[in-house]
Amino acid sequence: MTDDATNEHEKLPADEVVASVDAPAVDDVEDDGTPAEVADPFAGDENAKPIELAADDDSPVVGERHWYILKVQSNREDSIRETLLRRISMQGMDKWFGEVIVPKEQVTEFKGGKKRVVSRKLYPGYILVNMILNDETWYLVRETGGIGDFTGSAGRPSPMLPQDVAKLLNKSEEKTDDQPRLKITFKKGDRVKINEGTFENFEGEVEQIDEANGRVTVMLSIFGRSTPVDIEYWQIESV
C-alpha cells in the first residue's frame, strides 16, 4: 500500500471520516434518508407453532406410533414384556412407546375332570409393541434380553396394517362375560380312545365336534356295527 492510500483519511476533515465509516449501506436506507430497520436473525416468529417437548426431556417427539411384531423366546412372552416395559421406564423413553401386549384369548378346558377357564397365547413366540420407530427406540428394543428381532422384509421392521391391528386387539380384549371358547384339540377323522364312562377303553374315529357344548361324536364298533356315540371331549384322548 502507498503512503497516499495510507494517509487518505488524514486528508479529510474528522466529521467526514466518521460519516464514511458509520454510514449505512444503500440498501439499508429508507427513501427519506433514515436507516432502514434490519430484522434480527435470532428473533422468533410469533406465528410459528412451537415444538412440543416432553416434560422430562428436551428432545422433540417426532413421528407417529405404529404397531410392530417382535419375535421373542417362546414360553417367556410375559416376562420379556415386563422387562421391556421396565427398560422403557428406566431410560425415560415412555413418550416414544404405547402399549406392549402378549395377544391372548380365554378358553375353557377340563383337567382331571374339572372345568376351568385359562388364558392361551394366540401367537406363541411373539409380542406386539406400539411405538415410534427411530434409532433410540430400535436399539432399546433390540438390546432387551429375549427379543430376537422385528418382523419385516429385507431386514426392515414393517408396521402392522390398521385392519390387522383392529382384529387382533378386538380378539384380545374380549369381554369376560363372553362364553370362553372350549379348547378342543381333536378334528374330524382323528383316532381317539375313550378314558371314562360306559365305553371306557373303546377306540374310534371322530365324526363330529360340537364346540359350543364340548361334545365329540365318535364312531365306535359295537357288536360289529359302526355306531355314533356322543362323548364329553375331556373324556377322550388321541391314540
C-alpha atoms as a PDB file:
ATOM      1  CA  MET A   1       0.000   0.000   0.000  1.00  0.00           C
ATOM      2  CA  THR A   2       1.336   3.501  -0.906  1.00  0.00           C
ATOM      3  CA  ASP A   3       1.740   6.334   1.545  1.00  0.00           C
ATOM      4  CA  ASP A   4      -1.001   8.259  -0.305  1.00  0.00           C
ATOM      5  CA  ALA A   5      -3.501   5.445   0.273  1.00  0.00           C
ATOM      6  CA  THR A   6      -2.393   5.014   3.864  1.00  0.00           C
ATOM      7  CA  ASN A   7      -2.940   8.680   4.692  1.00  0.00           C
ATOM      8  CA  GLU A   8      -6.196   9.057   2.755  1.00  0.00           C
ATOM      9  CA  HIS A   9      -8.298   9.658   5.848  1.00  0.00           C
ATOM     10  CA  GLU A  10      -5.772  12.106   7.268  1.00  0.00           C
ATOM     11  CA  LYS A  11      -6.548  14.439   4.334  1.00  0.00           C
ATOM     12  CA  LEU A  12     -10.300  14.514   5.180  1.00  0.00           C
ATOM     13  CA  PRO A  13     -11.984  16.519   7.896  1.00  0.00           C
ATOM     14  CA  ALA A  14     -12.762  14.461  11.036  1.00  0.00           C
ATOM     15  CA  ASP A  15     -16.568  14.628  10.612  1.00  0.00           C
ATOM     16  CA  GLU A  16     -16.304  13.276   7.039  1.00  0.00           C
ATOM     17  CA  VAL A  17     -14.122  10.355   8.211  1.00  0.00           C
ATOM     18  CA  VAL A  18     -16.709   9.353  10.820  1.00  0.00           C
ATOM     19  CA  ALA A  19     -19.529   9.625   8.291  1.00  0.00           C
ATOM     20  CA  SER A  20     -17.728   7.420   5.806  1.00  0.00           C
ATOM     21  CA  VAL A  21     -17.319   4.655   8.416  1.00  0.00           C
ATOM     22  CA  ASP A  22     -20.777   4.683  10.063  1.00  0.00           C
ATOM     23  CA  ALA A  23     -22.983   5.394   7.018  1.00  0.00           C
ATOM     24  CA  PRO A  24     -25.414   2.532   6.296  1.00  0.00           C
ATOM     25  CA  ALA A  25     -25.345   0.638   3.022  1.00  0.00           C
ATOM     26  CA  VAL A  26     -27.513   1.948   0.198  1.00  0.00           C
ATOM     27  CA  ASP A  27     -29.962  -0.960   0.565  1.00  0.00           C
ATOM     28  CA  ASP A  28     -30.409  -0.159   4.278  1.00  0.00           C
ATOM     29  CA  VAL A  29     -31.624   3.427   3.760  1.00  0.00           C
ATOM     30  CA  GLU A  30     -35.279   4.492   3.518  1.00  0.00           C
ATOM     31  CA  ASP A  31     -36.479   6.979   0.886  1.00  0.00           C
ATOM     32  CA  ASP A  32     -36.283   9.839   3.387  1.00  0.00           C
ATOM     33  CA  GLY A  33     -32.669   9.085   4.131  1.00  0.00           C
ATOM     34  CA  THR A  34     -33.188   7.387   7.524  1.00  0.00           C
ATOM     35  CA  PRO A  35     -31.616   3.951   8.153  1.00  0.00           C
ATOM     36  CA  ALA A  36     -33.974   1.051   7.427  1.00  0.00           C
ATOM     37  CA  GLU A  37     -34.937  -1.295  10.264  1.00  0.00           C
ATOM     38  CA  VAL A  38     -32.917  -4.521   9.970  1.00  0.00           C
ATOM     39  CA  ALA A  39     -34.623  -7.731  11.086  1.00  0.00           C
ATOM     40  CA  ASP A  40     -32.977  -9.571  13.974  1.00  0.00           C
ATOM     41  CA  PRO A  41     -31.967 -13.013  12.601  1.00  0.00           C
ATOM     42  CA  PHE A  42     -32.315 -14.535  16.084  1.00  0.00           C
ATOM     43  CA  ALA A  43     -35.808 -13.174  16.754  1.00  0.00           C
ATOM     44  CA  GLY A  44     -38.568 -15.835  16.919  1.00  0.00           C
ATOM     45  CA  ASP A  45     -41.601 -15.988  14.655  1.00  0.00           C
ATOM     46  CA  GLU A  46     -44.654 -15.142  16.767  1.00  0.00           C
ATOM     47  CA  ASN A  47     -46.916 -17.082  14.397  1.00  0.00           C
ATOM     48  CA  ALA A  48     -44.751 -20.191  14.315  1.00  0.00           C
ATOM     49  CA  LYS A  49     -46.173 -23.283  16.062  1.00  0.00           C
ATOM     50  CA  PRO A  50     -43.890 -24.262  18.955  1.00  0.00           C
ATOM     51  CA  ILE A  51     -42.403 -27.751  19.043  1.00  0.00           C
ATOM     52  CA  GLU A  52     -43.904 -29.782  21.865  1.00  0.00           C
ATOM     53  CA  LEU A  53     -41.218 -31.072  24.188  1.00  0.00           C
ATOM     54  CA  ALA A  54     -41.547 -33.903  26.654  1.00  0.00           C
ATOM     55  CA  ALA A  55     -41.694 -32.761  30.251  1.00  0.00           C
ATOM     56  CA  ASP A  56     -38.613 -34.767  31.226  1.00  0.00           C
ATOM     57  CA  ASP A  57     -36.538 -34.267  28.087  1.00  0.00           C
ATOM     58  CA  ASP A  58     -35.513 -31.503  25.717  1.00  0.00           C
ATOM     59  CA  SER A  59     -35.770 -33.653  22.580  1.00  0.00           C
ATOM     60  CA  PRO A  60     -38.923 -33.204  20.490  1.00  0.00           C
ATOM     61  CA  VAL A  61     -41.344 -36.082  19.913  1.00  0.00           C
ATOM     62  CA  VAL A  62     -41.122 -36.747  16.193  1.00  0.00           C
ATOM     63  CA  GLY A  63     -43.029 -39.386  14.265  1.00  0.00           C
ATOM     64  CA  GLU A  64     -46.170 -41.440  14.594  1.00  0.00           C
ATOM     65  CA  ARG A  65     -46.725 -44.565  16.645  1.00  0.00           C
ATOM     66  CA  HIS A  66     -47.317 -47.845  14.846  1.00  0.00           C
ATOM     67  CA  TRP A  67     -47.799 -51.443  15.952  1.00  0.00           C
ATOM     68  CA  TYR A  68     -44.861 -53.789  15.367  1.00  0.00           C
ATOM     69  CA  ILE A  69     -44.473 -57.543  15.889  1.00  0.00           C
ATOM     70  CA  LEU A  70     -41.459 -58.750  17.846  1.00  0.00           C
ATOM     71  CA  LYS A  71     -40.022 -62.254  17.731  1.00  0.00           C
ATOM     72  CA  VAL A  72     -39.268 -63.422  21.273  1.00  0.00           C
ATOM     73  CA  GLN A  73     -38.320 -66.609  23.090  1.00  0.00           C
ATOM     74  CA  SER A  74     -41.274 -68.980  23.422  1.00  0.00           C
ATOM     75  CA  ASN A  75     -42.764 -69.518  26.890  1.00  0.00           C
ATOM     76  CA  ARG A  76     -41.174 -66.244  28.062  1.00  0.00           C
ATOM     77  CA  GLU A  77     -43.531 -63.790  26.378  1.00  0.00           C
ATOM     78  CA  ASP A  78     -44.932 -62.311  29.617  1.00  0.00           C
ATOM     79  CA  SER A  79     -41.582 -61.916  31.386  1.00  0.00           C
ATOM     80  CA  ILE A  80     -39.991 -60.372  28.280  1.00  0.00           C
ATOM     81  CA  ARG A  81     -42.882 -57.904  28.069  1.00  0.00           C
ATOM     82  CA  GLU A  82     -42.297 -56.871  31.707  1.00  0.00           C
ATOM     83  CA  THR A  83     -38.558 -56.497  31.088  1.00  0.00           C
ATOM     84  CA  LEU A  84     -39.138 -54.280  28.053  1.00  0.00           C
ATOM     85  CA  LEU A  85     -41.600 -52.059  29.933  1.00  0.00           C
ATOM     86  CA  ARG A  86     -39.152 -51.730  32.816  1.00  0.00           C
ATOM     87  CA  ARG A  87     -36.291 -50.715  30.490  1.00  0.00           C
ATOM     88  CA  ILE A  88     -38.504 -48.167  28.744  1.00  0.00           C
ATOM     89  CA  SER A  89     -39.316 -46.574  32.095  1.00  0.00           C
ATOM     90  CA  MET A  90     -35.714 -46.644  33.358  1.00  0.00           C
ATOM     91  CA  GLN A  91     -34.439 -44.992  30.164  1.00  0.00           C
ATOM     92  CA  GLY A  92     -37.125 -42.283  30.366  1.00  0.00           C
ATOM     93  CA  MET A  93     -38.430 -43.202  26.912  1.00  0.00           C
ATOM     94  CA  ASP A  94     -42.126 -43.582  27.779  1.00  0.00           C
ATOM     95  CA  LYS A  95     -43.031 -40.810  25.332  1.00  0.00           C
ATOM     96  CA  TRP A  96     -41.906 -42.958  22.392  1.00  0.00           C
ATOM     97  CA  PHE A  97     -43.868 -46.058  23.424  1.00  0.00           C
ATOM     98  CA  GLY A  98     -47.511 -47.045  23.846  1.00  0.00           C
ATOM     99  CA  GLU A  99     -48.843 -50.472  24.813  1.00  0.00           C
ATOM    100  CA  VAL A 100     -46.848 -53.683  24.833  1.00  0.00           C
ATOM    101  CA  ILE A 101     -49.090 -56.756  24.761  1.00  0.00           C
ATOM    102  CA  VAL A 102     -48.980 -60.529  24.584  1.00  0.00           C
ATOM    103  CA  PRO A 103     -52.039 -61.462  22.457  1.00  0.00           C
ATOM    104  CA  LYS A 104     -54.208 -63.960  24.356  1.00  0.00           C
ATOM    105  CA  GLU A 105     -57.689 -65.449  24.385  1.00  0.00           C
ATOM    106  CA  GLN A 106     -59.800 -67.065  27.103  1.00  0.00           C
ATOM    107  CA  VAL A 107     -60.501 -70.778  26.626  1.00  0.00           C
ATOM    108  CA  THR A 108     -62.318 -73.369  28.747  1.00  0.00           C
ATOM    109  CA  GLU A 109     -60.609 -76.675  29.359  1.00  0.00           C
ATOM    110  CA  PHE A 110     -61.094 -79.731  31.526  1.00  0.00           C
ATOM    111  CA  LYS A 111     -58.226 -81.175  33.503  1.00  0.00           C
ATOM    112  CA  GLY A 112     -58.674 -84.057  35.898  1.00  0.00           C
ATOM    113  CA  GLY A 113     -62.408 -83.906  35.272  1.00  0.00           C
ATOM    114  CA  LYS A 114     -62.560 -80.265  36.418  1.00  0.00           C
ATOM    115  CA  LYS A 115     -63.613 -77.352  34.242  1.00  0.00           C
ATOM    116  CA  ARG A 116     -61.536 -74.189  34.277  1.00  0.00           C
ATOM    117  CA  VAL A 117     -61.005 -71.026  32.210  1.00  0.00           C
ATOM    118  CA  VAL A 118     -57.434 -70.265  31.183  1.00  0.00           C
ATOM    119  CA  SER A 119     -55.640 -67.696  29.051  1.00  0.00           C
ATOM    120  CA  ARG A 120     -53.972 -69.044  25.949  1.00  0.00           C
ATOM    121  CA  LYS A 121     -51.444 -67.197  23.797  1.00  0.00           C
ATOM    122  CA  LEU A 122     -52.700 -66.554  20.287  1.00  0.00           C
ATOM    123  CA  TYR A 123     -49.200 -66.384  18.803  1.00  0.00           C
ATOM    124  CA  PRO A 124     -46.568 -68.147  20.943  1.00  0.00           C
ATOM    125  CA  GLY A 125     -43.145 -66.624  20.400  1.00  0.00           C
ATOM    126  CA  TYR A 126     -44.417 -63.125  19.515  1.00  0.00           C
ATOM    127  CA  ILE A 127     -45.420 -59.925  21.308  1.00  0.00           C
ATOM    128  CA  LEU A 128     -46.769 -56.624  19.971  1.00  0.00           C
ATOM    129  CA  VAL A 129     -45.430 -53.141  20.719  1.00  0.00           C
ATOM    130  CA  ASN A 130     -46.917 -49.749  19.874  1.00  0.00           C
ATOM    131  CA  MET A 131     -44.038 -47.332  19.328  1.00  0.00           C
ATOM    132  CA  ILE A 132     -42.363 -44.578  17.325  1.00  0.00           C
ATOM    133  CA  LEU A 133     -39.512 -46.228  15.473  1.00  0.00           C
ATOM    134  CA  ASN A 134     -36.201 -44.372  15.478  1.00  0.00           C
ATOM    135  CA  ASP A 135     -32.568 -45.209  16.240  1.00  0.00           C
ATOM    136  CA  GLU A 136     -33.014 -44.906  20.013  1.00  0.00           C
ATOM    137  CA  THR A 137     -36.190 -46.993  20.292  1.00  0.00           C
ATOM    138  CA  TRP A 138     -34.919 -49.606  17.834  1.00  0.00           C
ATOM    139  CA  TYR A 139     -31.731 -50.035  19.855  1.00  0.00           C
ATOM    140  CA  LEU A 140     -33.570 -50.261  23.200  1.00  0.00           C
ATOM    141  CA  VAL A 141     -35.912 -52.963  21.899  1.00  0.00           C
ATOM    142  CA  ARG A 142     -33.177 -54.992  20.190  1.00  0.00           C
ATOM    143  CA  GLU A 143     -30.961 -54.881  23.275  1.00  0.00           C
ATOM    144  CA  THR A 144     -33.683 -56.259  25.561  1.00  0.00           C
ATOM    145  CA  GLY A 145     -32.969 -59.847  26.604  1.00  0.00           C
ATOM    146  CA  GLY A 146     -35.189 -62.480  24.972  1.00  0.00           C
ATOM    147  CA  ILE A 147     -36.159 -60.329  21.983  1.00  0.00           C
ATOM    148  CA  GLY A 148     -34.912 -61.562  18.633  1.00  0.00           C
ATOM    149  CA  ASP A 149     -35.928 -59.022  16.022  1.00  0.00           C
ATOM    150  CA  PHE A 150     -38.774 -57.088  14.426  1.00  0.00           C
ATOM    151  CA  THR A 151     -40.758 -58.878  11.756  1.00  0.00           C
ATOM    152  CA  GLY A 152     -40.422 -57.332   8.321  1.00  0.00           C
ATOM    153  CA  SER A 153     -38.931 -57.729   4.901  1.00  0.00           C
ATOM    154  CA  ALA A 154     -35.375 -57.088   3.749  1.00  0.00           C
ATOM    155  CA  GLY A 155     -34.276 -56.559   7.347  1.00  0.00           C
ATOM    156  CA  ARG A 156     -36.546 -53.523   7.805  1.00  0.00           C
ATOM    157  CA  PRO A 157     -39.230 -53.518  10.544  1.00  0.00           C
ATOM    158  CA  SER A 158     -42.697 -53.454   8.963  1.00  0.00           C
ATOM    159  CA  PRO A 159     -45.643 -51.935  10.886  1.00  0.00           C
ATOM    160  CA  MET A 160     -48.875 -53.890  11.084  1.00  0.00           C
ATOM    161  CA  LEU A 161     -51.780 -52.898   8.863  1.00  0.00           C
ATOM    162  CA  PRO A 162     -54.537 -50.976  10.728  1.00  0.00           C
ATOM    163  CA  GLN A 163     -57.183 -53.607   9.917  1.00  0.00           C
ATOM    164  CA  ASP A 164     -54.992 -56.401  11.298  1.00  0.00           C
ATOM    165  CA  VAL A 165     -54.357 -54.424  14.478  1.00  0.00           C
ATOM    166  CA  ALA A 166     -58.093 -53.841  14.977  1.00  0.00           C
ATOM    167  CA  LYS A 167     -58.918 -57.545  14.569  1.00  0.00           C
ATOM    168  CA  LEU A 168     -56.176 -58.631  16.921  1.00  0.00           C
ATOM    169  CA  LEU A 169     -56.964 -56.122  19.653  1.00  0.00           C
ATOM    170  CA  ASN A 170     -60.679 -56.909  19.499  1.00  0.00           C
ATOM    171  CA  LYS A 171     -59.919 -60.592  19.878  1.00  0.00           C
ATOM    172  CA  SER A 172     -57.507 -59.997  22.753  1.00  0.00           C
ATOM    173  CA  GLU A 173     -59.907 -57.701  24.592  1.00  0.00           C
ATOM    174  CA  GLU A 174     -62.982 -59.941  24.685  1.00  0.00           C
ATOM    175  CA  LYS A 175     -65.407 -59.217  27.498  1.00  0.00           C
ATOM    176  CA  THR A 176     -65.053 -61.511  30.498  1.00  0.00           C
ATOM    177  CA  ASP A 177     -68.825 -62.091  30.354  1.00  0.00           C
ATOM    178  CA  ASP A 178     -68.483 -63.736  26.940  1.00  0.00           C
ATOM    179  CA  GLN A 179     -68.556 -67.504  26.857  1.00  0.00           C
ATOM    180  CA  PRO A 180     -64.938 -68.656  26.589  1.00  0.00           C
ATOM    181  CA  ARG A 181     -64.109 -70.884  23.663  1.00  0.00           C
ATOM    182  CA  LEU A 182     -63.538 -74.541  24.518  1.00  0.00           C
ATOM    183  CA  LYS A 183     -60.077 -75.918  23.973  1.00  0.00           C
ATOM    184  CA  ILE A 184     -60.785 -78.940  21.791  1.00  0.00           C
ATOM    185  CA  THR A 185     -57.685 -80.261  20.084  1.00  0.00           C
ATOM    186  CA  PHE A 186     -59.355 -83.010  18.070  1.00  0.00           C
ATOM    187  CA  LYS A 187     -60.525 -82.774  14.489  1.00  0.00           C
ATOM    188  CA  LYS A 188     -62.723 -84.899  12.265  1.00  0.00           C
ATOM    189  CA  GLY A 189     -61.040 -88.160  11.272  1.00  0.00           C
ATOM    190  CA  ASP A 190     -58.738 -88.356  14.322  1.00  0.00           C
ATOM    191  CA  ARG A 191     -58.383 -91.729  16.027  1.00  0.00           C
ATOM    192  CA  VAL A 192     -59.237 -91.451  19.737  1.00  0.00           C
ATOM    193  CA  LYS A 193     -59.609 -93.591  22.846  1.00  0.00           C
ATOM    194  CA  ILE A 194     -62.352 -93.181  25.474  1.00  0.00           C
ATOM    195  CA  ASN A 195     -60.974 -92.915  29.022  1.00  0.00           C
ATOM    196  CA  GLU A 196     -64.179 -92.718  31.097  1.00  0.00           C
ATOM    197  CA  GLY A 197     -67.810 -93.716  31.042  1.00  0.00           C
ATOM    198  CA  THR A 198     -69.769 -96.641  29.590  1.00  0.00           C
ATOM    199  CA  PHE A 199     -67.450 -97.042  26.610  1.00  0.00           C
ATOM    200  CA  GLU A 200     -64.170 -96.788  28.511  1.00  0.00           C
ATOM    201  CA  ASN A 201     -61.175 -98.179  26.576  1.00  0.00           C
ATOM    202  CA  PHE A 202     -63.123 -98.205  23.305  1.00  0.00           C
ATOM    203  CA  GLU A 203     -61.369 -96.719  20.311  1.00  0.00           C
ATOM    204  CA  GLY A 204     -62.985 -94.969  17.389  1.00  0.00           C
ATOM    205  CA  GLU A 205     -62.838 -92.171  14.866  1.00  0.00           C
ATOM    206  CA  VAL A 206     -64.001 -88.582  15.427  1.00  0.00           C
ATOM    207  CA  GLU A 207     -67.051 -87.911  13.272  1.00  0.00           C
ATOM    208  CA  GLN A 208     -68.234 -84.501  14.539  1.00  0.00           C
ATOM    209  CA  ILE A 209     -67.258 -81.839  17.083  1.00  0.00           C
ATOM    210  CA  ASP A 210     -69.705 -79.629  18.995  1.00  0.00           C
ATOM    211  CA  GLU A 211     -67.529 -76.830  20.387  1.00  0.00           C
ATOM    212  CA  ALA A 212     -70.484 -74.959  21.883  1.00  0.00           C
ATOM    213  CA  ASN A 213     -71.335 -77.866  24.192  1.00  0.00           C
ATOM    214  CA  GLY A 214     -67.945 -79.514  24.405  1.00  0.00           C
ATOM    215  CA  ARG A 215     -69.064 -82.839  22.974  1.00  0.00           C
ATOM    216  CA  VAL A 216     -67.466 -85.065  20.356  1.00  0.00           C
ATOM    217  CA  THR A 217     -69.251 -87.666  18.233  1.00  0.00           C
ATOM    218  CA  VAL A 218     -67.094 -90.771  17.934  1.00  0.00           C
ATOM    219  CA  MET A 219     -67.827 -93.698  15.615  1.00  0.00           C
ATOM    220  CA  LEU A 220     -67.389 -96.908  17.642  1.00  0.00           C
ATOM    221  CA  SER A 221     -67.639-100.518  16.527  1.00  0.00           C
ATOM    222  CA  ILE A 222     -70.333-102.011  18.754  1.00  0.00           C
ATOM    223  CA  PHE A 223     -71.379-105.612  18.096  1.00  0.00           C
ATOM    224  CA  GLY A 224     -69.710-105.384  14.743  1.00  0.00           C
ATOM    225  CA  ARG A 225     -71.603-102.301  13.701  1.00  0.00           C
ATOM    226  CA  SER A 226     -70.302 -98.725  13.356  1.00  0.00           C
ATOM    227  CA  THR A 227     -72.248 -96.676  15.899  1.00  0.00           C
ATOM    228  CA  PRO A 228     -72.036 -92.895  16.640  1.00  0.00           C
ATOM    229  CA  VAL A 229     -71.586 -92.093  20.325  1.00  0.00           C
ATOM    230  CA  ASP A 230     -71.527 -88.604  21.893  1.00  0.00           C
ATOM    231  CA  ILE A 231     -68.719 -88.188  24.425  1.00  0.00           C
ATOM    232  CA  GLU A 232     -67.543 -85.238  26.544  1.00  0.00           C
ATOM    233  CA  TYR A 233     -64.409 -84.015  24.852  1.00  0.00           C
ATOM    234  CA  TRP A 234     -62.364 -84.269  28.038  1.00  0.00           C
ATOM    235  CA  GLN A 235     -63.211 -87.993  28.330  1.00  0.00           C
ATOM    236  CA  ILE A 236     -61.216 -88.916  25.233  1.00  0.00           C
ATOM    237  CA  GLU A 237     -57.619 -88.733  24.130  1.00  0.00           C
ATOM    238  CA  SER A 238     -55.746 -89.098  20.873  1.00  0.00           C
ATOM    239  CA  VAL A 239     -54.403 -92.529  20.014  1.00  0.00           C
END
